[in-house]
Protein backbone atom coordinates (compact mmCIF):
# COMPACT_ATOMS: atom_id res chain seq x y z
CA UNK A 1 22.46 110.91 81.94
CA UNK A 2 24.52 114.00 81.10
CA UNK A 3 23.99 117.08 83.18
CA UNK A 4 21.18 119.52 81.72
CA UNK A 5 22.50 123.21 81.08
CA UNK A 6 21.97 125.49 83.76
CA UNK A 7 19.04 128.18 82.53
CA UNK A 8 18.99 131.68 84.04
CA UNK A 9 15.42 133.08 84.11
CA UNK A 10 15.14 136.78 84.18
CA UNK A 11 11.88 138.37 85.20
CA UNK A 12 11.71 142.18 85.38
CA UNK A 13 9.04 143.62 87.68
CA UNK A 14 7.33 146.78 88.02
CA UNK A 15 4.54 146.19 89.99
CA UNK A 16 1.67 143.66 91.54
CA UNK A 17 2.26 141.20 94.27
CA UNK A 18 -0.16 138.45 93.13
CA UNK A 19 0.60 138.12 89.54
CA UNK A 20 4.31 137.87 90.81
CA UNK A 21 3.36 135.08 93.24
CA UNK A 22 1.41 133.28 90.52
CA UNK A 23 4.14 133.23 88.34
CA UNK A 24 6.84 132.04 90.81
CA UNK A 25 4.32 129.38 92.25
CA UNK A 26 4.31 128.27 88.39
CA UNK A 27 8.04 128.02 88.07
CA UNK A 28 8.21 126.10 91.60
CA UNK A 29 6.19 123.24 89.93
CA UNK A 30 8.57 123.22 86.78
CA UNK A 31 9.95 120.08 86.36
CA UNK A 32 13.70 121.18 85.50
CA UNK A 33 16.43 120.49 87.75
CA UNK A 34 19.13 123.15 86.71
CA UNK A 35 17.49 126.83 86.51
CA UNK A 36 18.14 130.06 88.46
CA UNK A 37 15.40 132.83 88.79
CA UNK A 38 16.18 136.36 89.08
CA UNK A 39 13.85 139.11 89.97
CA UNK A 40 14.74 142.18 88.52
CA UNK A 41 13.09 145.00 90.77
CA UNK A 42 12.71 147.56 88.04
CA UNK A 43 12.03 150.68 90.53
CA UNK A 44 8.89 149.04 92.22
CA UNK A 45 6.83 151.22 94.51
CA UNK A 46 4.71 148.59 96.42
CA UNK A 47 5.93 145.72 98.72
CA UNK A 48 5.74 142.79 96.05
CA UNK A 49 9.74 142.11 96.17
CA UNK A 50 9.68 141.62 99.75
CA UNK A 51 6.42 139.80 99.86
CA UNK A 52 7.43 137.55 97.22
CA UNK A 53 11.48 137.22 98.87
CA UNK A 54 9.64 135.63 102.09
CA UNK A 55 7.45 133.32 100.13
CA UNK A 56 10.60 131.75 97.41
CA UNK A 57 13.57 132.25 99.18
CA UNK A 58 15.51 130.42 96.35
CA UNK A 59 14.90 133.43 94.16
CA UNK A 60 17.51 136.02 93.36
CA UNK A 61 16.84 139.51 93.54
CA UNK A 62 18.50 142.27 91.37
CA UNK A 63 17.42 145.69 92.77
CA UNK A 64 17.36 148.94 90.04
CA UNK A 65 17.15 152.13 91.51
CA UNK A 66 14.39 153.63 88.82
CA UNK A 67 12.20 151.93 86.14
CA UNK A 68 14.80 150.79 83.19
CA UNK A 69 11.87 149.21 81.03
CA UNK A 70 11.79 146.00 79.92
CA UNK A 71 14.90 146.27 78.02
CA UNK A 72 17.15 147.81 80.84
CA UNK A 73 15.46 145.50 83.58
CA UNK A 74 16.24 142.03 81.26
CA UNK A 75 19.84 143.09 80.53
CA UNK A 76 20.34 143.78 84.62
CA UNK A 77 19.42 139.94 85.01
CA UNK A 78 21.35 139.31 82.25
CA UNK A 79 24.38 140.89 83.96
CA UNK A 80 24.01 138.63 86.89
CA UNK A 81 22.90 135.48 85.18
CA UNK A 82 25.41 132.34 85.09
CA UNK A 83 23.24 129.90 82.67
CA UNK A 84 24.20 128.62 79.57
CA UNK A 85 20.80 129.98 78.40
CA UNK A 86 18.32 132.96 79.62
CA UNK A 87 14.61 132.90 79.60
CA UNK A 88 13.50 136.54 79.55
CA UNK A 89 9.95 135.88 81.25
CA UNK A 90 6.96 138.52 81.91
CA UNK A 91 5.69 138.39 85.91
CA UNK A 92 2.28 137.94 84.39
CA UNK A 93 2.75 134.32 82.75
CA UNK A 94 2.18 131.08 84.12
CA UNK A 95 2.59 127.30 82.91
CA UNK A 96 0.74 124.02 83.33
CA UNK A 97 2.84 121.91 81.68
CA UNK A 98 5.89 120.86 84.11
CA UNK A 99 7.99 119.87 81.44
CA UNK A 100 7.73 122.85 78.85
CA UNK A 101 11.24 124.25 79.87
CA UNK A 102 13.01 121.14 79.12
CA UNK A 103 11.00 121.38 75.41
CA UNK A 104 12.73 124.72 74.90
CA UNK A 105 16.16 123.48 76.22
CA UNK A 106 15.79 120.69 74.03
CA UNK A 107 15.09 122.56 70.88
CA UNK A 108 18.55 124.71 71.29
CA UNK A 109 20.50 121.60 72.28
CA UNK A 110 19.62 119.72 69.40
CA UNK A 111 19.53 122.69 66.75
CA UNK A 112 23.19 124.08 66.74
CA UNK A 113 21.67 126.93 64.33
CA UNK A 114 19.03 127.75 66.58
CA UNK A 115 19.78 130.70 68.82
CA UNK A 116 16.40 131.69 70.24
CA UNK A 117 13.27 130.12 70.52
CA UNK A 118 9.72 130.81 72.16
CA UNK A 119 6.83 128.74 73.18
CA UNK A 120 3.00 128.96 72.37
CA UNK A 121 1.72 131.60 74.08
CA UNK A 122 -2.03 131.60 74.78
CA UNK A 123 -4.14 134.09 77.02
CA UNK A 124 -4.34 133.61 80.45
CA UNK A 125 -7.71 134.84 80.41
CA UNK A 126 -9.61 133.16 77.42
CA UNK A 127 -7.23 130.18 77.16
CA UNK A 128 -8.43 128.62 74.15
CA UNK A 129 -7.20 131.94 72.21
CA UNK A 130 -3.56 132.83 71.42
CA UNK A 131 -2.02 135.65 73.41
CA UNK A 132 -1.74 139.10 71.79
CA UNK A 133 2.08 139.52 72.59
CA UNK A 134 3.63 136.69 70.69
CA UNK A 135 0.65 134.22 69.91
CA UNK A 136 2.66 131.29 68.36
CA UNK A 137 5.70 133.14 67.19
CA UNK A 138 6.38 136.53 65.70
CA UNK A 139 6.57 137.34 62.02
CA UNK A 140 7.14 140.74 60.21
CA UNK A 141 6.84 142.23 56.80
CA UNK A 142 9.67 144.23 55.02
CA UNK A 143 8.45 147.81 56.07
CA UNK A 144 8.57 146.49 59.92
CA UNK A 145 5.15 145.87 61.06
CA UNK A 146 5.36 142.69 63.05
CA UNK A 147 2.23 140.15 63.41
CA UNK A 148 2.34 136.77 65.03
CA UNK A 149 0.87 133.16 63.93
CA UNK A 150 -2.50 133.42 65.66
CA UNK A 151 -2.98 137.28 65.94
CA UNK A 152 -2.56 140.15 63.21
CA UNK A 153 -3.22 143.75 64.65
CA UNK A 154 -6.38 143.70 66.50
CA UNK A 155 -7.54 140.15 65.22
CA UNK A 156 -7.15 136.95 67.44
CA UNK A 157 -7.41 133.58 66.50
CA UNK A 158 -8.37 130.70 68.79
CA UNK A 159 -5.92 127.96 69.12
CA UNK A 160 -7.26 125.07 66.91
CA UNK A 161 -3.69 123.46 66.87
CA UNK A 162 -3.34 124.90 63.26
CA UNK A 163 0.25 126.54 64.08
CA UNK A 164 1.30 123.33 65.81
CA UNK A 165 4.35 122.61 63.72
CA UNK A 166 7.26 123.72 64.66
CA UNK A 167 8.75 126.55 62.56
CA UNK A 168 11.05 129.23 61.64
CA UNK A 169 9.79 132.63 62.60
CA UNK A 170 11.00 136.04 62.58
CA UNK A 171 11.06 137.03 66.10
CA UNK A 172 10.50 135.28 69.53
CA UNK A 173 8.42 137.35 72.06
CA UNK A 174 9.64 138.80 74.98
CA UNK A 175 6.74 137.45 76.84
CA UNK A 176 8.88 134.33 76.94
CA UNK A 177 12.01 134.57 74.81
CA UNK A 178 14.39 131.69 75.25
CA UNK A 179 17.70 132.85 74.23
CA UNK A 180 21.43 131.38 74.01
CA UNK A 181 23.71 133.74 76.18
CA UNK A 182 26.43 133.49 73.95
CA UNK A 183 24.27 135.03 71.35
CA UNK A 184 24.11 137.88 73.32
CA UNK A 185 27.53 138.23 73.77
CA UNK A 186 27.84 138.23 69.92
CA UNK A 187 25.57 141.00 69.07
CA UNK A 188 24.61 142.47 72.10
CA UNK A 189 21.65 142.55 74.85
CA UNK A 190 18.59 144.47 74.37
CA UNK A 191 18.59 147.87 73.23
CA UNK A 192 17.86 149.95 76.53
CA UNK A 193 16.88 153.22 74.48
CA UNK A 194 14.00 151.13 73.20
CA UNK A 195 12.80 150.90 76.79
CA UNK A 196 9.79 148.51 76.09
CA UNK A 197 8.08 147.19 72.86
CA UNK A 198 9.89 145.72 69.90
CA UNK A 199 13.42 145.36 71.52
CA UNK A 200 12.76 141.54 71.26
CA UNK A 201 11.81 141.96 67.44
CA UNK A 202 15.60 144.00 67.03
CA UNK A 203 17.15 141.40 69.08
CA UNK A 204 15.89 138.75 66.74
CA UNK A 205 16.59 140.58 63.81
CA UNK A 206 20.29 140.96 65.00
CA UNK A 207 20.48 137.51 65.62
CA UNK A 208 19.16 136.62 61.86
CA UNK A 209 21.64 138.75 60.58
CA UNK A 210 24.51 136.15 62.03
CA UNK A 211 23.16 133.59 60.14
CA UNK A 212 21.31 131.88 63.21
CA UNK A 213 17.59 131.19 63.55
CA UNK A 214 14.57 131.93 66.05
CA UNK A 215 11.90 129.12 65.85
CA UNK A 216 8.61 128.30 67.43
CA UNK A 217 8.31 125.51 69.90
CA UNK A 218 4.53 125.06 70.24
CA UNK A 219 4.68 121.94 72.32
CA UNK A 220 5.90 124.17 75.06
CA UNK A 221 3.06 126.50 76.20
CA UNK A 222 3.01 129.65 78.49
CA UNK A 223 -0.25 131.28 79.38
CA UNK A 224 0.28 135.39 79.82
CA UNK A 225 -2.43 137.93 81.57
CA UNK A 226 -1.20 140.36 79.26
CA UNK A 227 -1.59 144.10 80.00
CA UNK A 228 -0.37 144.55 83.69
CA UNK A 229 2.26 147.31 82.88
CA UNK A 230 0.84 149.31 80.08
CA UNK A 231 -2.91 149.71 79.18
CA UNK A 232 -3.21 148.22 75.64
CA UNK A 233 -3.69 151.42 73.78
CA UNK A 234 -1.79 153.76 75.89
CA UNK A 235 -0.08 156.90 74.93
CA UNK A 236 3.60 155.53 75.84
CA UNK A 237 2.42 152.10 74.18
CA UNK A 238 1.77 153.60 70.96
CA UNK A 239 4.82 156.10 70.98
CA UNK A 240 6.93 153.28 71.74
CA UNK A 241 5.77 151.11 69.02
CA UNK A 242 5.77 153.86 66.26
CA UNK A 243 9.23 155.01 67.50
CA UNK A 244 11.08 151.87 67.77
CA UNK A 245 9.86 150.57 64.57
CA UNK A 246 11.28 153.56 62.70
CA UNK A 247 14.54 152.78 65.08
CA UNK A 248 15.02 149.15 64.16
CA UNK A 249 14.49 149.63 60.27
CA UNK A 250 17.53 152.35 60.56
CA UNK A 251 19.70 149.73 62.60
CA UNK A 252 19.25 146.65 60.54
CA UNK A 253 18.85 146.90 57.08
CA UNK A 254 21.59 147.62 54.61
CA UNK A 255 21.44 150.93 53.07
CA UNK A 256 20.79 149.82 49.34
CA UNK A 257 17.11 148.66 51.26
CA UNK A 258 16.98 151.36 53.57
CA UNK A 259 16.52 154.04 50.93
CA UNK A 260 13.42 152.36 49.27
CA UNK A 261 11.88 151.02 52.51
CA UNK A 262 12.24 153.57 55.11
CA UNK A 263 10.47 156.34 52.87
CA UNK A 264 7.72 153.84 52.21
CA UNK A 265 7.39 153.21 56.17
CA UNK A 266 7.28 157.22 56.34
CA UNK A 267 4.35 156.88 54.37
CA UNK A 268 2.54 154.37 56.03
CA UNK A 269 3.01 156.51 59.47
CA UNK A 270 1.25 159.57 57.67
CA UNK A 271 -1.35 157.22 56.36
CA UNK A 272 -1.60 156.23 60.04
CA UNK A 273 -2.01 159.86 60.68
CA UNK A 274 -5.15 160.64 58.32
CA UNK A 275 -6.83 157.45 59.50
CA UNK A 276 -6.43 158.84 62.98
CA UNK A 277 -7.78 161.77 62.17
CA UNK A 278 -10.97 160.40 60.54
CA UNK A 279 -11.58 158.20 63.83
CA UNK A 280 -10.61 161.27 65.92
CA UNK A 281 -7.75 159.27 67.61
CA UNK A 282 -5.23 161.99 68.57
CA UNK A 283 -3.53 159.90 70.99
CA UNK A 284 -2.32 157.96 67.80
CA UNK A 285 -1.47 161.23 65.75
CA UNK A 286 0.70 162.74 68.77
CA UNK A 287 2.44 159.43 69.32
CA UNK A 288 3.36 159.26 65.42
CA UNK A 289 4.71 162.58 65.66
CA UNK A 290 6.93 162.56 68.64
CA UNK A 291 8.15 159.36 67.70
CA UNK A 292 9.21 161.15 63.98
CA UNK A 293 10.59 164.19 66.18
CA UNK A 294 12.72 161.92 68.45
CA UNK A 295 14.53 159.80 65.32
CA UNK A 296 15.17 163.01 63.53
CA UNK A 297 16.91 164.54 66.93
CA UNK A 298 18.58 161.39 67.69
CA UNK A 299 19.81 160.21 64.15
CA UNK A 300 23.30 160.44 65.00
CA UNK A 301 23.24 158.04 68.01
CA UNK A 302 20.67 156.05 66.00
CA UNK A 303 23.37 155.58 63.32
CA UNK A 304 26.46 154.96 65.62
CA UNK A 305 24.06 151.94 66.59
CA UNK A 306 23.75 150.84 63.04
CA UNK A 307 27.34 150.85 62.44
CA UNK A 308 27.96 148.34 65.41
CA UNK A 309 24.96 146.21 64.00
CA UNK A 310 26.56 146.38 60.57
CA UNK A 311 29.90 145.35 61.72
CA UNK A 312 28.29 142.26 63.30
CA UNK A 313 26.50 141.20 59.85
CA UNK A 314 27.52 137.68 58.46
CA UNK A 315 24.20 137.69 55.83
CA UNK A 316 23.19 139.91 53.42
CA UNK A 317 19.61 141.36 53.63
CA UNK A 318 18.91 139.18 50.27
CA UNK A 319 20.09 135.75 52.33
CA UNK A 320 17.48 136.60 55.11
CA UNK A 321 14.76 138.05 52.87
CA UNK A 322 12.96 134.82 52.87
CA UNK A 323 12.04 135.09 56.92
CA UNK A 324 10.17 138.33 56.15
CA UNK A 325 6.38 138.33 55.06
CA UNK A 326 7.37 139.79 51.66
CA UNK A 327 4.14 141.82 50.96
CA UNK A 328 2.60 144.30 53.22
CA UNK A 329 0.78 143.15 56.20
CA UNK A 330 -0.81 146.97 56.65
CA UNK A 331 -2.53 146.64 52.87
CA UNK A 332 -3.69 142.68 53.26
CA UNK A 333 -5.10 143.08 56.39
CA UNK A 334 -6.96 146.78 56.21
CA UNK A 335 -7.57 146.49 52.14
CA UNK A 336 -7.61 142.92 51.27
CA UNK A 337 -9.40 141.75 54.76
CA UNK A 338 -7.11 138.91 55.39
CA UNK A 339 -7.10 138.49 59.23
CA UNK A 340 -5.52 135.42 59.62
CA UNK A 341 -2.01 133.75 58.97
CA UNK A 342 -3.66 130.90 57.50
CA UNK A 343 -5.24 133.13 54.95
CA UNK A 344 -1.81 135.00 54.56
CA UNK A 345 0.57 131.92 54.59
CA UNK A 346 -1.51 128.48 54.42
CA UNK A 347 -0.43 126.04 56.81
CA UNK A 348 2.87 124.91 55.02
CA UNK A 349 5.50 126.55 57.55
CA UNK A 350 9.32 125.89 57.29
CA UNK A 351 10.51 123.18 59.69
CA UNK A 352 13.72 124.18 61.87
CA UNK A 353 17.03 123.24 60.38
């Protein structure tokens, strides 16, 4: 029997002894012979790292002097990794199936065009529901608004095995994102200026531009507690989602498409402001305007990143448009009232090539 490839599991950690302990206990029960676990101390202020080092002496710890966000924390872990594959894993996740990692490895080993994949993500609190952060695999409309199989905006579906067919997806959730290390060397790591939120979508988009695929692996299941780092609707989270969504469009689209898509995305941003005024949601109003200000003040830096992304491009936008949801998820959700992916897509999903 051939030897299994080494998997480097990178876990960025900010705070919390018990969540990290439960995550590592879960990995200890994983029946995969070739893995290294790298815990990135992202400027933690409690004793959680020393606590888990005593219990799990086999982990490797990478120390950052300050919180570099999810993106920077993961990148620091990659720099110390030795595996053929890298699994980015949130510290508030657990698994119950000891063979879950084999299923991710086998997917990439048996499908040369697959560069990244994601397990099914379920809520650790309500285990019959999908997890908000990525559910059964990430999708995105042409305006850069993400959603997932099993979760659209604030509507979360129960897992009734409706998305149990492995399929091509647009993005793999950073909660448990399995990636070939060679693709990171080709397209680059997470964009550290994103800090957190949507960095995995940006990375997945860059993978698609090389002609490689991102797929779901619903046979592998990971449970996620969620909300351990940022509250669901904190100002910082809302701001990062708006800001990073705009930056992502500017980096990854061809000019001919950016020139009509980006103005429409800005229109959606101002609709969000009007809606927030009606709801007296001043947190979101502030977040939108600060996000727009960031893009304006940092446009030269963003365009420099864009040039690097476009230099690596191997496929045109037309060749990857089939991977997008071609309508507007905002319009279909809020105006047409379509609350589930079964309503949007039916159950005919594309099998991985």
